[in-house]
Amino acid sequence: MSTTTMLGYFAGFLTTISFLPQVMKIWKSRSASDLSLGMFSVFSVGVMCWLVYGFLLQETPMIFWNAVTLVLALTILVMKIKFDS
């Protein structure tokens, strides 16, 4: 594996894992009232675009980590809607 690919995996890991504390906080508190529905909606669409871009470029780190990030972001969106409606 090239250094560039390893860097891609590491960067993706760090930026993706940063969502876990937020997901866990919302789950425990059953509230996401401080989070912006608009921001996470736009963010999710942006991540989806990065995911498609990764597929077009056939860049595995970009595909993998954006897929995981999208799942986490959509989890936050679902909890935002469920807990704060």
C-alpha atoms as a PDB file:
ATOM      1  CA  MET A   1       0.000   0.000   0.000  1.00  0.00           C
ATOM      2  CA  SER A   2       1.394   3.397  -0.956  1.00  0.00           C
ATOM      3  CA  THR A   3       2.085   6.182   1.508  1.00  0.00           C
ATOM      4  CA  THR A   4      -0.560   8.297  -0.218  1.00  0.00           C
ATOM      5  CA  THR A   5      -3.210   5.602   0.229  1.00  0.00           C
ATOM      6  CA  MET A   6      -2.205   5.075   3.862  1.00  0.00           C
ATOM      7  CA  LEU A   7      -2.521   8.830   4.444  1.00  0.00           C
ATOM      8  CA  GLY A   8      -5.979   8.731   2.858  1.00  0.00           C
ATOM      9  CA  TYR A   9      -7.083   5.949   5.174  1.00  0.00           C
ATOM     10  CA  PHE A  10      -5.643   7.694   8.229  1.00  0.00           C
ATOM     11  CA  ALA A  11      -7.213  11.072   7.368  1.00  0.00           C
ATOM     12  CA  GLY A  12     -10.548   9.402   6.674  1.00  0.00           C
ATOM     13  CA  PHE A  13     -10.366   7.499   9.953  1.00  0.00           C
ATOM     14  CA  LEU A  14      -9.709  10.658  11.974  1.00  0.00           C
ATOM     15  CA  THR A  15     -12.402  12.785  10.350  1.00  0.00           C
ATOM     16  CA  THR A  16     -14.969   9.983  10.471  1.00  0.00           C
ATOM     17  CA  ILE A  17     -14.320   8.867  14.033  1.00  0.00           C
ATOM     18  CA  SER A  18     -14.870  12.457  15.166  1.00  0.00           C
ATOM     19  CA  PHE A  19     -18.626  11.915  14.684  1.00  0.00           C
ATOM     20  CA  LEU A  20     -18.861   9.058  17.195  1.00  0.00           C
ATOM     21  CA  PRO A  21     -18.865  11.231  20.343  1.00  0.00           C
ATOM     22  CA  GLN A  22     -21.717  13.299  18.880  1.00  0.00           C
ATOM     23  CA  VAL A  23     -23.733  10.218  17.954  1.00  0.00           C
ATOM     24  CA  MET A  24     -23.233   8.761  21.431  1.00  0.00           C
ATOM     25  CA  LYS A  25     -24.116  12.055  23.168  1.00  0.00           C
ATOM     26  CA  ILE A  26     -27.364  12.381  21.215  1.00  0.00           C
ATOM     27  CA  TRP A  27     -28.241   8.747  21.869  1.00  0.00           C
ATOM     28  CA  LYS A  28     -27.640   9.045  25.617  1.00  0.00           C
ATOM     29  CA  SER A  29     -29.398  12.394  26.069  1.00  0.00           C
ATOM     30  CA  ARG A  30     -32.170  11.654  23.556  1.00  0.00           C
ATOM     31  CA  SER A  31     -31.809  15.232  22.370  1.00  0.00           C
ATOM     32  CA  ALA A  32     -30.180  16.912  19.419  1.00  0.00           C
ATOM     33  CA  SER A  33     -31.791  20.296  19.933  1.00  0.00           C
ATOM     34  CA  ASP A  34     -28.468  22.142  19.764  1.00  0.00           C
ATOM     35  CA  LEU A  35     -27.670  20.744  16.323  1.00  0.00           C
ATOM     36  CA  SER A  36     -28.754  22.368  13.107  1.00  0.00           C
ATOM     37  CA  LEU A  37     -31.009  20.198  10.941  1.00  0.00           C
ATOM     38  CA  GLY A  38     -30.065  22.316   7.922  1.00  0.00           C
ATOM     39  CA  MET A  39     -26.339  21.942   8.506  1.00  0.00           C
ATOM     40  CA  PHE A  40     -26.475  18.157   8.877  1.00  0.00           C
ATOM     41  CA  SER A  41     -28.790  17.881   5.861  1.00  0.00           C
ATOM     42  CA  VAL A  42     -26.436  19.863   3.637  1.00  0.00           C
ATOM     43  CA  PHE A  43     -23.426  18.047   5.109  1.00  0.00           C
ATOM     44  CA  SER A  44     -25.002  14.658   4.319  1.00  0.00           C
ATOM     45  CA  VAL A  45     -25.628  15.653   0.708  1.00  0.00           C
ATOM     46  CA  GLY A  46     -22.019  16.852   0.472  1.00  0.00           C
ATOM     47  CA  VAL A  47     -20.691  13.575   1.864  1.00  0.00           C
ATOM     48  CA  MET A  48     -22.889  11.686  -0.591  1.00  0.00           C
ATOM     49  CA  CYS A  49     -21.314  13.714  -3.406  1.00  0.00           C
ATOM     50  CA  TRP A  50     -17.809  12.882  -2.090  1.00  0.00           C
ATOM     51  CA  LEU A  51     -18.822   9.223  -2.020  1.00  0.00           C
ATOM     52  CA  VAL A  52     -19.940   9.315  -5.662  1.00  0.00           C
ATOM     53  CA  TYR A  53     -16.744  11.199  -6.553  1.00  0.00           C
ATOM     54  CA  GLY A  54     -14.713   8.476  -4.829  1.00  0.00           C
ATOM     55  CA  PHE A  55     -16.501   5.811  -6.877  1.00  0.00           C
ATOM     56  CA  LEU A  56     -15.842   7.738 -10.082  1.00  0.00           C
ATOM     57  CA  LEU A  57     -12.141   7.992  -9.219  1.00  0.00           C
ATOM     58  CA  GLN A  58     -12.090   4.425  -7.834  1.00  0.00           C
ATOM     59  CA  GLU A  59     -10.392   5.695  -4.669  1.00  0.00           C
ATOM     60  CA  THR A  60     -10.995   3.082  -1.996  1.00  0.00           C
ATOM     61  CA  PRO A  61     -10.135   5.249   1.053  1.00  0.00           C
ATOM     62  CA  MET A  62     -12.472   7.987  -0.181  1.00  0.00           C
ATOM     63  CA  ILE A  63     -15.263   5.486  -0.840  1.00  0.00           C
ATOM     64  CA  PHE A  64     -14.886   3.645   2.458  1.00  0.00           C
ATOM     65  CA  TRP A  65     -14.624   6.596   4.821  1.00  0.00           C
ATOM     66  CA  ASN A  66     -17.278   8.701   3.108  1.00  0.00           C
ATOM     67  CA  ALA A  67     -19.655   5.739   3.267  1.00  0.00           C
ATOM     68  CA  VAL A  68     -19.025   5.394   7.012  1.00  0.00           C
ATOM     69  CA  THR A  69     -19.307   9.166   7.525  1.00  0.00           C
ATOM     70  CA  LEU A  70     -22.580   9.211   5.598  1.00  0.00           C
ATOM     71  CA  VAL A  71     -24.007   6.491   7.845  1.00  0.00           C
ATOM     72  CA  LEU A  72     -22.990   8.458  10.951  1.00  0.00           C
ATOM     73  CA  ALA A  73     -24.328  11.761   9.597  1.00  0.00           C
ATOM     74  CA  LEU A  74     -27.622  10.152   8.602  1.00  0.00           C
ATOM     75  CA  THR A  75     -27.820   8.553  12.048  1.00  0.00           C
ATOM     76  CA  ILE A  76     -27.495  12.012  13.571  1.00  0.00           C
ATOM     77  CA  LEU A  77     -30.178  13.347  11.212  1.00  0.00           C
ATOM     78  CA  VAL A  78     -32.583  10.532  12.066  1.00  0.00           C
ATOM     79  CA  MET A  79     -32.047  11.041  15.798  1.00  0.00           C
ATOM     80  CA  LYS A  80     -32.448  14.818  15.377  1.00  0.00           C
ATOM     81  CA  ILE A  81     -35.805  14.303  13.698  1.00  0.00           C
ATOM     82  CA  LYS A  82     -36.922  11.527  16.068  1.00  0.00           C
ATOM     83  CA  PHE A  83     -35.886  13.057  19.387  1.00  0.00           C
ATOM     84  CA  ASP A  84     -36.575  16.738  18.672  1.00  0.00           C
ATOM     85  CA  SER A  85     -39.840  16.633  16.764  1.00  0.00           C
END
